[in-house]
């Protein structure tokens, strides 16, 4: 089958400029890429045809030969002079493979560059010559009382700060960095591996696109130094374990004058000896004597604000009974509102009894009726019925 005209394949005119040819190729490559045309069996052949056409027309010498001799310039039928120019034989095949790989890399970046965050055609390979500093994390432990009231905390953060000797440029005496000779300022180098061209970060400039010929003696050309910093952090009232506070620009300094990262404060509220927290509510277990629980009365309990509250214990209270104190819990982190405080009674059985106390308790036990211990009486009645059912 006769080959189609290369200009026709790319959909451009014979007097098209290099940019127009490149634009036409990219358009065809996107349209015909096999990954986008799984249902079209001839798409792969057309895709290869477009690559072959572009491989010739993008090169000025090859294009001139094609315009003069057509496909015959590359099918081995021309005189040795044309072939000596690199259009035929082993040399031409090797060059064609490299050109095709480069062309494929171009369209690959067009297809997927936006997704991968690539930006071509600028120094540093789309990278900022001054890179942003890393974000830092600081774990801050506070007490429950501090979480209740809020506070301002002084913290010391080990971090990198901009070098004062070179103002963060990395160059001695403030000299400007120069373009990297290895990657020509692109920040990345290309290596051909068979069919594909693989891009890697430039090992000379670490992707910066620039090098410092006369590095700063203080920071070694990094543009930053290790130094502890003391910061004042405002902790709002109502914070919980896991609350994250972001301090913009307080992270690690950027490389060679780049912007600083952010500092994230992760709050951890320590366990309390008296109170347990559940969101905005607080729970406090209060032991009461057996007599106080039986007779009722008042007890004094602590509150998280450091105050005291008097609570009435109803007569005949059992362990686990809860009483609520409104507005004595934790404040809301965002917006108005305060939680509740719940008092949970824990009836304590007396221990280390004297002989007289034992006699008194024995006498009291003998005088008790079923109505004095309704839960126990009801339980053992059920036990008797259960045992009776088993025996039958």
Protein backbone atom coordinates (compact mmCIF):
# COMPACT_ATOMS: atom_id res chain seq x y z
CA UNK A 1 0.00 0.00 0.00
CA UNK A 2 1.34 3.45 -0.95
CA UNK A 3 2.16 5.74 1.92
CA UNK A 4 0.00 8.78 2.48
CA UNK A 5 1.46 12.22 2.15
CA UNK A 6 3.02 13.21 5.49
CA UNK A 7 1.41 16.65 5.40
CA UNK A 8 -1.96 15.03 4.84
CA UNK A 9 -1.34 12.63 7.73
CA UNK A 10 -0.76 15.54 10.12
CA UNK A 11 -3.51 17.66 8.59
CA UNK A 12 -1.25 20.61 7.72
CA UNK A 13 -0.29 22.40 4.54
CA UNK A 14 3.10 22.06 2.85
CA UNK A 15 4.03 25.62 3.76
CA UNK A 16 3.14 25.08 7.43
CA UNK A 17 5.58 26.44 10.02
CA UNK A 18 7.43 24.23 12.50
CA UNK A 19 5.01 25.26 15.25
CA UNK A 20 2.01 24.43 13.05
CA UNK A 21 3.49 21.01 12.24
CA UNK A 22 4.11 20.33 15.91
CA UNK A 23 0.60 21.46 16.80
CA UNK A 24 -0.87 19.25 14.08
CA UNK A 25 1.11 16.24 15.30
CA UNK A 26 0.06 16.70 18.91
CA UNK A 27 -3.56 17.00 17.87
CA UNK A 28 -3.36 13.79 15.85
CA UNK A 29 -1.43 11.97 18.57
CA UNK A 30 -4.06 12.81 21.16
CA UNK A 31 -6.83 11.83 18.77
CA UNK A 32 -5.27 8.52 17.68
CA UNK A 33 -3.51 7.33 20.85
CA UNK A 34 -4.28 3.58 21.30
CA UNK A 35 -5.18 4.03 24.96
CA UNK A 36 -8.01 6.30 23.88
CA UNK A 37 -9.16 4.15 20.99
CA UNK A 38 -9.42 0.62 22.33
CA UNK A 39 -12.48 0.04 20.13
CA UNK A 40 -10.70 1.14 16.91
CA UNK A 41 -8.26 -1.55 15.67
CA UNK A 42 -6.69 0.75 13.06
CA UNK A 43 -5.93 3.53 15.56
CA UNK A 44 -2.51 2.10 16.49
CA UNK A 45 -1.39 1.99 12.86
CA UNK A 46 -2.57 5.56 12.30
CA UNK A 47 -0.83 6.64 15.48
CA UNK A 48 2.47 5.16 14.24
CA UNK A 49 1.89 6.80 10.84
CA UNK A 50 1.51 10.20 12.52
CA UNK A 51 4.70 9.61 14.51
CA UNK A 52 6.59 8.69 11.34
CA UNK A 53 5.34 11.83 9.58
CA UNK A 54 6.28 14.09 12.45
CA UNK A 55 9.67 12.42 12.82
CA UNK A 56 10.48 13.61 9.28
CA UNK A 57 8.73 16.98 9.09
CA UNK A 58 10.00 18.32 12.42
CA UNK A 59 13.62 18.05 11.18
CA UNK A 60 14.58 20.83 8.73
CA UNK A 61 17.00 18.65 6.71
CA UNK A 62 14.64 15.70 6.50
CA UNK A 63 11.75 17.98 5.63
CA UNK A 64 13.76 19.51 2.77
CA UNK A 65 14.62 16.06 1.46
CA UNK A 66 10.98 14.97 1.71
CA UNK A 67 9.73 18.10 -0.05
CA UNK A 68 12.17 17.37 -2.90
CA UNK A 69 12.02 13.58 -3.26
CA UNK A 70 8.94 12.53 -1.29
CA UNK A 71 8.94 9.11 0.39
CA UNK A 72 11.74 7.98 -1.90
CA UNK A 73 14.15 10.02 0.21
CA UNK A 74 13.81 7.47 3.02
CA UNK A 75 12.92 4.14 1.42
CA UNK A 76 16.49 3.19 0.48
CA UNK A 77 15.92 3.94 -3.22
CA UNK A 78 17.87 7.20 -3.30
CA UNK A 79 21.51 7.61 -4.13
CA UNK A 80 24.13 7.23 -1.44
CA UNK A 81 24.34 10.97 -0.98
CA UNK A 82 20.90 11.19 0.55
CA UNK A 83 21.59 8.18 2.72
CA UNK A 84 24.87 9.62 3.83
CA UNK A 85 22.91 12.50 5.25
CA UNK A 86 21.48 10.19 7.88
CA UNK A 87 18.17 9.31 6.23
CA UNK A 88 18.83 5.63 5.63
CA UNK A 89 20.82 2.69 6.90
CA UNK A 90 21.69 1.87 10.53
CA UNK A 91 22.54 5.45 11.40
CA UNK A 92 19.19 6.71 10.16
CA UNK A 93 17.34 4.00 12.08
CA UNK A 94 19.10 4.83 15.33
CA UNK A 95 18.45 8.51 14.91
CA UNK A 96 14.82 7.87 13.95
CA UNK A 97 14.28 5.84 17.11
CA UNK A 98 15.71 8.60 19.27
CA UNK A 99 13.65 11.27 17.49
CA UNK A 100 10.51 9.19 17.83
CA UNK A 101 11.14 8.69 21.54
CA UNK A 102 11.58 12.43 21.95
CA UNK A 103 8.42 13.11 19.98
CA UNK A 104 6.51 10.57 22.03
CA UNK A 105 7.78 12.20 25.22
CA UNK A 106 6.39 15.53 23.97
CA UNK A 107 2.92 14.20 23.38
CA UNK A 108 3.04 12.13 26.58
CA UNK A 109 3.63 15.30 28.55
CA UNK A 110 0.79 17.01 26.68
CA UNK A 111 -1.54 14.16 27.49
CA UNK A 112 -0.60 13.66 31.12
CA UNK A 113 1.47 16.67 32.09
CA UNK A 114 -1.40 18.58 33.68
CA UNK A 115 -2.34 15.58 35.77
CA UNK A 116 1.26 15.08 36.93
CA UNK A 117 1.72 18.77 37.61
CA UNK A 118 4.31 19.24 34.86
CA UNK A 119 5.03 22.62 33.34
CA UNK A 120 7.36 22.60 30.39
CA UNK A 121 9.32 25.29 28.67
CA UNK A 122 10.44 27.23 31.74
CA UNK A 123 13.80 27.20 33.53
CA UNK A 124 13.84 24.62 36.29
CA UNK A 125 11.47 22.32 34.43
CA UNK A 126 8.48 24.18 35.85
CA UNK A 127 10.08 24.11 39.31
CA UNK A 128 10.62 27.24 41.28
CA UNK A 129 14.31 27.95 41.50
CA UNK A 130 13.65 28.78 45.14
CA UNK A 131 11.77 25.85 46.67
CA UNK A 132 9.22 26.02 49.47
CA UNK A 133 10.23 24.80 52.89
CA UNK A 134 8.76 21.69 54.48
CA UNK A 135 5.80 21.75 56.85
CA UNK A 136 6.59 20.93 60.47
CA UNK A 137 4.59 19.14 63.17
CA UNK A 138 4.71 19.91 66.88
CA UNK A 139 2.93 17.77 69.48
CA UNK A 140 1.71 19.93 72.37
CA UNK A 141 0.50 18.32 75.61
CA UNK A 142 -1.76 20.40 77.86
CA UNK A 143 -3.87 19.72 80.96
CA UNK A 144 -7.66 19.47 81.03
CA UNK A 145 -7.79 22.70 83.02
CA UNK A 146 -5.80 24.46 80.29
CA UNK A 147 -8.12 23.03 77.65
CA UNK A 148 -11.06 24.42 79.64
CA UNK A 149 -9.76 27.96 79.99
CA UNK A 150 -7.49 28.27 76.93
CA UNK A 151 -3.99 29.67 77.17
CA UNK A 152 -1.02 31.20 75.40
CA UNK A 153 1.88 28.75 75.30
CA UNK A 154 5.52 29.39 74.55
CA UNK A 155 7.02 26.57 72.49
CA UNK A 156 10.53 25.94 71.17
CA UNK A 157 10.63 24.51 67.66
CA UNK A 158 13.80 23.05 66.12
CA UNK A 159 13.68 24.32 62.56
CA UNK A 160 15.54 25.77 59.59
CA UNK A 161 15.62 29.54 59.22
CA UNK A 162 16.82 31.73 56.37
CA UNK A 163 20.57 32.30 56.48
CA UNK A 164 21.34 35.82 57.64
CA UNK A 165 24.74 35.94 55.93
CA UNK A 166 23.43 35.48 52.38
CA UNK A 167 19.78 36.53 52.92
CA UNK A 168 18.70 33.03 51.94
CA UNK A 169 20.25 33.07 48.45
CA UNK A 170 22.93 30.49 49.25
CA UNK A 171 25.62 32.58 47.49
CA UNK A 172 28.51 34.31 49.16
CA UNK A 173 28.17 38.11 49.21
CA UNK A 174 24.68 37.83 47.71
CA UNK A 175 25.86 36.72 44.24
CA UNK A 176 23.14 35.34 41.99
CA UNK A 177 23.06 31.57 41.23
CA UNK A 178 23.88 30.48 37.68
CA UNK A 179 22.12 28.05 35.37
CA UNK A 180 22.99 24.39 35.85
CA UNK A 181 25.24 23.17 32.99
CA UNK A 182 24.04 19.58 33.28
CA UNK A 183 20.35 20.23 32.65
CA UNK A 184 20.62 23.70 31.04
CA UNK A 185 18.44 25.14 33.77
CA UNK A 186 15.58 22.66 33.25
CA UNK A 187 16.02 20.94 36.59
CA UNK A 188 15.69 17.51 34.96
CA UNK A 189 17.63 15.35 32.56
CA UNK A 190 16.39 12.89 29.95
CA UNK A 191 17.70 9.39 29.46
CA UNK A 192 16.55 7.13 26.64
CA UNK A 193 15.55 3.61 27.63
CA UNK A 194 14.57 1.71 24.53
CA UNK A 195 11.26 3.03 23.19
CA UNK A 196 10.76 5.61 25.96
CA UNK A 197 12.56 8.72 27.10
CA UNK A 198 12.66 8.89 30.91
CA UNK A 199 13.01 12.15 32.78
CA UNK A 200 14.81 12.30 36.11
CA UNK A 201 15.70 15.04 38.55
CA UNK A 202 19.03 16.57 37.66
CA UNK A 203 21.69 15.14 40.01
CA UNK A 204 23.86 18.26 39.78
CA UNK A 205 21.34 20.87 40.91
CA UNK A 206 18.83 18.53 42.64
CA UNK A 207 16.06 19.83 40.39
CA UNK A 208 16.65 23.51 41.19
CA UNK A 209 17.80 24.40 37.68
CA UNK A 210 20.58 26.53 39.15
CA UNK A 211 23.84 26.01 40.98
CA UNK A 212 25.78 28.20 43.36
CA UNK A 213 29.36 28.59 42.17
CA UNK A 214 30.44 30.56 45.25
CA UNK A 215 28.39 29.07 48.12
CA UNK A 216 27.84 30.95 51.33
CA UNK A 217 30.33 29.90 54.00
CA UNK A 218 27.74 30.05 56.74
CA UNK A 219 25.04 27.82 55.24
CA UNK A 220 27.08 25.92 52.63
CA UNK A 221 24.89 27.19 49.78
CA UNK A 222 21.61 25.90 51.20
CA UNK A 223 20.32 29.36 52.03
CA UNK A 224 19.14 28.25 55.48
CA UNK A 225 20.49 27.20 58.88
CA UNK A 226 19.36 24.90 61.67
CA UNK A 227 18.16 26.95 64.61
CA UNK A 228 15.66 26.65 67.47
CA UNK A 229 12.86 29.20 67.47
CA UNK A 230 10.57 30.23 70.30
CA UNK A 231 6.97 30.88 69.28
CA UNK A 232 3.90 32.06 71.14
CA UNK A 233 0.87 29.86 70.40
CA UNK A 234 -2.71 30.74 71.33
CA UNK A 235 -4.64 27.65 72.41
CA UNK A 236 -8.40 28.32 72.34
CA UNK A 237 -10.70 27.10 75.09
CA UNK A 238 -12.46 23.81 74.39
CA UNK A 239 -9.68 22.08 72.43
CA UNK A 240 -9.63 18.28 72.42
CA UNK A 241 -6.99 15.68 71.74
CA UNK A 242 -6.35 15.71 67.99
CA UNK A 243 -7.16 19.40 67.51
CA UNK A 244 -4.81 20.83 64.85
CA UNK A 245 -3.68 24.44 64.82
CA UNK A 246 -1.95 25.78 61.68
CA UNK A 247 0.62 28.56 61.85
CA UNK A 248 1.19 29.77 58.32
CA UNK A 249 4.80 30.46 57.34
CA UNK A 250 6.22 29.19 60.64
CA UNK A 251 7.58 25.92 59.22
CA UNK A 252 10.96 25.18 57.71
CA UNK A 253 12.60 27.97 55.70
CA UNK A 254 12.62 27.53 51.93
CA UNK A 255 15.72 26.75 49.91
CA UNK A 256 17.53 29.79 48.49
CA UNK A 257 14.98 32.34 49.53
CA UNK A 258 11.89 30.22 48.86
CA UNK A 259 8.75 30.64 51.01
CA UNK A 260 8.66 28.94 54.39
CA UNK A 261 6.40 25.97 55.10
CA UNK A 262 3.68 25.86 57.74
CA UNK A 263 3.81 24.69 61.35
CA UNK A 264 1.03 22.39 62.56
CA UNK A 265 0.37 22.16 66.30
CA UNK A 266 -1.30 18.89 67.30
CA UNK A 267 -2.90 19.17 70.73
CA UNK A 268 -3.03 16.30 73.21
CA UNK A 269 -5.10 16.80 76.36
CA UNK A 270 -3.74 14.77 79.28
CA UNK A 271 -5.96 12.50 81.38
CA UNK A 272 -7.29 14.06 84.57
CA UNK A 273 -7.24 12.55 88.07
CA UNK A 274 -10.86 13.52 88.81
CA UNK A 275 -12.69 14.12 85.55
CA UNK A 276 -13.27 12.07 82.43
CA UNK A 277 -14.24 13.89 79.26
CA UNK A 278 -16.72 12.94 76.57
CA UNK A 279 -16.91 15.77 74.06
CA UNK A 280 -18.19 18.79 75.93
CA UNK A 281 -19.41 16.76 78.93
CA UNK A 282 -17.45 15.86 82.05
CA UNK A 283 -17.96 12.88 84.36
CA UNK A 284 -16.82 12.66 87.96
CA UNK A 285 -17.17 9.52 90.14
CA UNK A 286 -17.81 10.49 93.76
CA UNK A 287 -17.63 7.90 96.58
CA UNK A 288 -20.32 8.15 99.27
CA UNK A 289 -20.68 6.13 102.43
CA UNK A 290 -23.28 3.45 102.73
CA UNK A 291 -25.05 5.45 105.43
CA UNK A 292 -25.07 8.67 103.35
CA UNK A 293 -26.44 6.80 100.37
CA UNK A 294 -29.15 5.20 102.50
CA UNK A 295 -30.14 8.31 104.45
CA UNK A 296 -29.53 10.93 101.75
CA UNK A 297 -27.94 14.32 102.27
CA UNK A 298 -25.57 16.74 100.58
CA UNK A 299 -22.06 16.27 99.31
CA UNK A 300 -19.50 18.76 97.98
CA UNK A 301 -17.92 18.08 94.60
CA UNK A 302 -15.16 19.87 92.60
CA UNK A 303 -15.74 21.59 89.26
CA UNK A 304 -13.28 21.99 86.37
CA UNK A 305 -13.05 25.76 86.88
CA UNK A 306 -11.52 25.18 90.32
CA UNK A 307 -14.75 25.86 92.21
CA UNK A 308 -17.04 23.70 94.33
CA UNK A 309 -20.64 22.67 93.97
CA UNK A 310 -23.04 21.15 96.51
CA UNK A 311 -25.09 18.20 95.31
CA UNK A 312 -28.05 16.64 97.06
CA UNK A 313 -27.93 12.86 97.31
CA UNK A 314 -31.43 11.36 97.27
CA UNK A 315 -32.33 8.90 100.01
CA UNK A 316 -31.69 5.28 99.03
CA UNK A 317 -29.24 6.10 96.20
CA UNK A 318 -27.43 3.16 94.58
CA UNK A 319 -24.00 2.94 92.99
CA UNK A 320 -24.00 4.28 89.43
CA UNK A 321 -26.71 6.86 90.00
CA UNK A 322 -25.97 10.05 88.06
CA UNK A 323 -26.85 13.64 88.81
CA UNK A 324 -26.36 16.49 86.37
CA UNK A 325 -24.85 19.90 86.95
CA UNK A 326 -25.85 22.18 84.10
CA UNK A 327 -23.21 24.37 82.47
CA UNK A 328 -20.31 22.85 84.41
CA UNK A 329 -18.74 20.99 81.51
CA UNK A 330 -16.29 22.06 78.78
CA UNK A 331 -16.85 25.08 76.52
CA UNK A 332 -17.49 24.61 72.83
CA UNK A 333 -14.39 25.00 70.66
CA UNK A 334 -16.29 26.96 68.03
CA UNK A 335 -19.32 29.00 68.89
CA UNK A 336 -21.22 29.44 72.13
CA UNK A 337 -22.31 26.68 74.47
CA UNK A 338 -21.04 24.77 77.48
CA UNK A 339 -21.35 21.08 78.27
CA UNK A 340 -22.74 19.40 81.39
CA UNK A 341 -21.05 17.78 84.35
CA UNK A 342 -22.36 14.43 85.57
CA UNK A 343 -21.81 13.20 89.12
CA UNK A 344 -21.80 9.41 89.36
CA UNK A 345 -22.26 8.00 92.85
CA UNK A 346 -20.11 5.14 94.01
CA UNK A 347 -21.51 3.67 97.25
CA UNK A 348 -18.62 2.47 99.36
CA UNK A 349 -18.87 -0.61 101.57
CA UNK A 350 -17.19 -0.04 104.94
CA UNK A 351 -14.01 -2.02 105.69
CA UNK A 352 -11.79 -2.63 108.76
CA UNK A 353 -14.78 -2.84 111.09
CA UNK A 354 -14.39 -2.98 114.86
CA UNK A 355 -16.23 -5.52 116.98
CA UNK A 356 -18.89 -3.00 118.00
CA UNK A 357 -19.44 -1.96 114.38
CA UNK A 358 -19.84 -5.57 113.37
CA UNK A 359 -22.45 -6.10 116.06
CA UNK A 360 -24.32 -2.98 115.00
CA UNK A 361 -24.31 -4.05 111.36
CA UNK A 362 -25.43 -7.56 112.29
CA UNK A 363 -28.27 -6.14 114.32
CA UNK A 364 -29.19 -3.83 111.45
CA UNK A 365 -29.12 -6.73 108.97
CA UNK A 366 -31.42 -8.81 111.19
CA UNK A 367 -33.89 -5.96 111.40
CA UNK A 368 -34.06 -5.43 107.64
CA UNK A 369 -37.05 -6.60 105.64
CA UNK A 370 -37.47 -7.35 101.96
CA UNK A 371 -38.68 -3.82 101.38
CA UNK A 372 -35.35 -2.47 102.63
CA UNK A 373 -33.44 -4.33 99.88
CA UNK A 374 -35.90 -4.67 96.99
CA UNK A 375 -33.26 -5.45 94.35
CA UNK A 376 -31.66 -8.24 96.35
CA UNK A 377 -35.03 -9.71 97.36
CA UNK A 378 -36.30 -9.69 93.78
CA UNK A 379 -33.10 -11.27 92.48
CA UNK A 380 -33.06 -14.15 94.94
CA UNK A 381 -36.77 -14.83 94.34
CA UNK A 382 -35.90 -15.30 90.68
CA UNK A 383 -33.00 -17.57 91.64
CA UNK A 384 -35.31 -19.79 93.70
CA UNK A 385 -37.76 -20.07 90.81
CA UNK A 386 -34.90 -20.92 88.44
CA UNK A 387 -33.59 -23.67 90.69
CA UNK A 388 -37.10 -25.02 91.15
CA UNK A 389 -37.53 -25.27 87.37
CA UNK A 390 -34.21 -27.14 87.05
CA UNK A 391 -35.15 -29.74 89.70
CA UNK A 392 -38.51 -30.47 88.11
